[in-house]
Amino acid sequence: MALEMHTTSILQYLKKHGQRLDSEIAAATGIPLPKVRASLSDLSARGEISQCSVVRFEGTSRIEGALCRVAGYIPPRTPGRKPGAPA
């Protein structure tokens, strides 16, 4: 039950904020990183998110994590005129 609650809140967070690292998701949602990773694995197995491993360097420190986004989700177009649209 708790895992399902975490997966729902993580999925909603990704829909709202787009592609994020697992550590960023944990910090923003307040869910511990191991539980976030378990939920992300579950969501990835169900095909609801796309996930890949990344390594980032900040200065001399190496940060390993998972980059996640909602699978097949295309955000709605913003309202208003588009560049190059006929007047």
C-alpha atoms as a PDB file:
ATOM      1  CA  MET A   1       0.000   0.000   0.000  1.00  0.00           C
ATOM      2  CA  ALA A   2       2.738   2.473   0.933  1.00  0.00           C
ATOM      3  CA  LEU A   3       4.644   1.705  -2.282  1.00  0.00           C
ATOM      4  CA  GLU A   4       1.497   2.452  -4.307  1.00  0.00           C
ATOM      5  CA  MET A   5       1.073   5.767  -2.474  1.00  0.00           C
ATOM      6  CA  HIS A   6       4.673   6.703  -3.293  1.00  0.00           C
ATOM      7  CA  THR A   7       4.357   5.697  -6.953  1.00  0.00           C
ATOM      8  CA  THR A   8       1.233   7.842  -7.344  1.00  0.00           C
ATOM      9  CA  SER A   9       2.856  10.935  -5.831  1.00  0.00           C
ATOM     10  CA  ILE A  10       6.059  10.383  -7.845  1.00  0.00           C
ATOM     11  CA  LEU A  11       4.104  10.004 -11.091  1.00  0.00           C
ATOM     12  CA  GLN A  12       2.161  13.201 -10.372  1.00  0.00           C
ATOM     13  CA  TYR A  13       5.425  15.022  -9.594  1.00  0.00           C
ATOM     14  CA  LEU A  14       6.995  13.891 -12.890  1.00  0.00           C
ATOM     15  CA  LYS A  15       3.905  14.955 -14.866  1.00  0.00           C
ATOM     16  CA  LYS A  16       4.074  18.399 -13.288  1.00  0.00           C
ATOM     17  CA  HIS A  17       7.844  18.987 -13.378  1.00  0.00           C
ATOM     18  CA  GLY A  18       9.067  16.857 -16.297  1.00  0.00           C
ATOM     19  CA  GLN A  19      12.337  14.939 -16.416  1.00  0.00           C
ATOM     20  CA  ARG A  20      14.153  14.716 -13.064  1.00  0.00           C
ATOM     21  CA  LEU A  21      16.890  12.787 -11.254  1.00  0.00           C
ATOM     22  CA  ASP A  22      15.864  10.315  -8.572  1.00  0.00           C
ATOM     23  CA  SER A  23      17.629  12.405  -5.914  1.00  0.00           C
ATOM     24  CA  GLU A  24      15.708  15.521  -7.015  1.00  0.00           C
ATOM     25  CA  ILE A  25      12.426  13.589  -6.775  1.00  0.00           C
ATOM     26  CA  ALA A  26      13.316  12.397  -3.265  1.00  0.00           C
ATOM     27  CA  ALA A  27      14.211  15.907  -2.100  1.00  0.00           C
ATOM     28  CA  ALA A  28      11.078  17.496  -3.583  1.00  0.00           C
ATOM     29  CA  THR A  29       8.573  14.885  -2.404  1.00  0.00           C
ATOM     30  CA  GLY A  30      10.127  14.149   0.994  1.00  0.00           C
ATOM     31  CA  ILE A  31      10.220  10.409   0.268  1.00  0.00           C
ATOM     32  CA  PRO A  32      13.478   8.622   1.256  1.00  0.00           C
ATOM     33  CA  LEU A  33      15.754   7.869  -1.723  1.00  0.00           C
ATOM     34  CA  PRO A  34      15.612   4.032  -1.360  1.00  0.00           C
ATOM     35  CA  LYS A  35      11.797   4.156  -1.458  1.00  0.00           C
ATOM     36  CA  VAL A  36      11.896   6.509  -4.469  1.00  0.00           C
ATOM     37  CA  ARG A  37      14.190   4.081  -6.304  1.00  0.00           C
ATOM     38  CA  ALA A  38      11.895   1.132  -5.492  1.00  0.00           C
ATOM     39  CA  SER A  39       8.872   3.085  -6.739  1.00  0.00           C
ATOM     40  CA  LEU A  40      10.717   4.146  -9.902  1.00  0.00           C
ATOM     41  CA  SER A  41      11.636   0.518 -10.612  1.00  0.00           C
ATOM     42  CA  ASP A  42       7.987  -0.459 -10.219  1.00  0.00           C
ATOM     43  CA  LEU A  43       6.800   2.371 -12.495  1.00  0.00           C
ATOM     44  CA  SER A  44       9.441   1.490 -15.087  1.00  0.00           C
ATOM     45  CA  ALA A  45       8.441  -2.202 -15.035  1.00  0.00           C
ATOM     46  CA  ARG A  46       4.818  -1.179 -15.659  1.00  0.00           C
ATOM     47  CA  GLY A  47       5.914   1.042 -18.576  1.00  0.00           C
ATOM     48  CA  GLU A  48       4.618   4.259 -17.025  1.00  0.00           C
ATOM     49  CA  ILE A  49       8.011   6.004 -16.957  1.00  0.00           C
ATOM     50  CA  SER A  50      11.241   5.942 -18.926  1.00  0.00           C
ATOM     51  CA  GLN A  51      14.358   5.606 -16.810  1.00  0.00           C
ATOM     52  CA  CYS A  52      18.066   5.642 -17.595  1.00  0.00           C
ATOM     53  CA  SER A  53      21.252   5.636 -15.535  1.00  0.00           C
ATOM     54  CA  VAL A  54      23.321   8.827 -15.525  1.00  0.00           C
ATOM     55  CA  VAL A  55      26.598  10.014 -14.072  1.00  0.00           C
ATOM     56  CA  ARG A  56      27.067  13.713 -13.419  1.00  0.00           C
ATOM     57  CA  PHE A  57      30.116  15.540 -12.186  1.00  0.00           C
ATOM     58  CA  GLU A  58      29.849  18.587  -9.946  1.00  0.00           C
ATOM     59  CA  GLY A  59      33.368  19.821  -9.476  1.00  0.00           C
ATOM     60  CA  THR A  60      35.326  16.728  -8.516  1.00  0.00           C
ATOM     61  CA  SER A  61      32.399  14.777  -7.057  1.00  0.00           C
ATOM     62  CA  ARG A  62      30.739  12.024  -9.072  1.00  0.00           C
ATOM     63  CA  ILE A  63      26.952  11.721  -8.770  1.00  0.00           C
ATOM     64  CA  GLU A  64      25.269   8.544 -10.002  1.00  0.00           C
ATOM     65  CA  GLY A  65      21.509   8.364 -10.322  1.00  0.00           C
ATOM     66  CA  ALA A  66      18.533   7.601 -12.489  1.00  0.00           C
ATOM     67  CA  LEU A  67      16.975  10.141 -14.816  1.00  0.00           C
ATOM     68  CA  CYS A  68      13.219   9.646 -15.153  1.00  0.00           C
ATOM     69  CA  ARG A  69      10.341  11.028 -17.173  1.00  0.00           C
ATOM     70  CA  VAL A  70       6.775  10.010 -17.894  1.00  0.00           C
ATOM     71  CA  ALA A  71       6.666   7.585 -20.831  1.00  0.00           C
ATOM     72  CA  GLY A  72       4.763   8.817 -23.879  1.00  0.00           C
ATOM     73  CA  TYR A  73       3.661  12.042 -22.188  1.00  0.00           C
ATOM     74  CA  ILE A  74       3.547  15.119 -24.390  1.00  0.00           C
ATOM     75  CA  PRO A  75       2.714  18.330 -22.523  1.00  0.00           C
ATOM     76  CA  PRO A  76      -0.140  20.402 -23.971  1.00  0.00           C
ATOM     77  CA  ARG A  77       0.723  23.282 -26.287  1.00  0.00           C
ATOM     78  CA  THR A  78       0.856  26.672 -24.693  1.00  0.00           C
ATOM     79  CA  PRO A  79      -1.902  29.076 -25.664  1.00  0.00           C
ATOM     80  CA  GLY A  80      -1.239  32.076 -27.872  1.00  0.00           C
ATOM     81  CA  ARG A  81       0.387  32.730 -31.198  1.00  0.00           C
ATOM     82  CA  LYS A  82       3.332  30.620 -32.243  1.00  0.00           C
ATOM     83  CA  PRO A  83       6.477  32.027 -33.879  1.00  0.00           C
ATOM     84  CA  GLY A  84       6.118  32.160 -37.637  1.00  0.00           C
ATOM     85  CA  ALA A  85       2.343  31.820 -37.532  1.00  0.00           C
ATOM     86  CA  PRO A  86       0.502  33.760 -40.219  1.00  0.00           C
ATOM     87  CA  ALA A  87      -0.943  37.036 -38.967  1.00  0.00           C
END
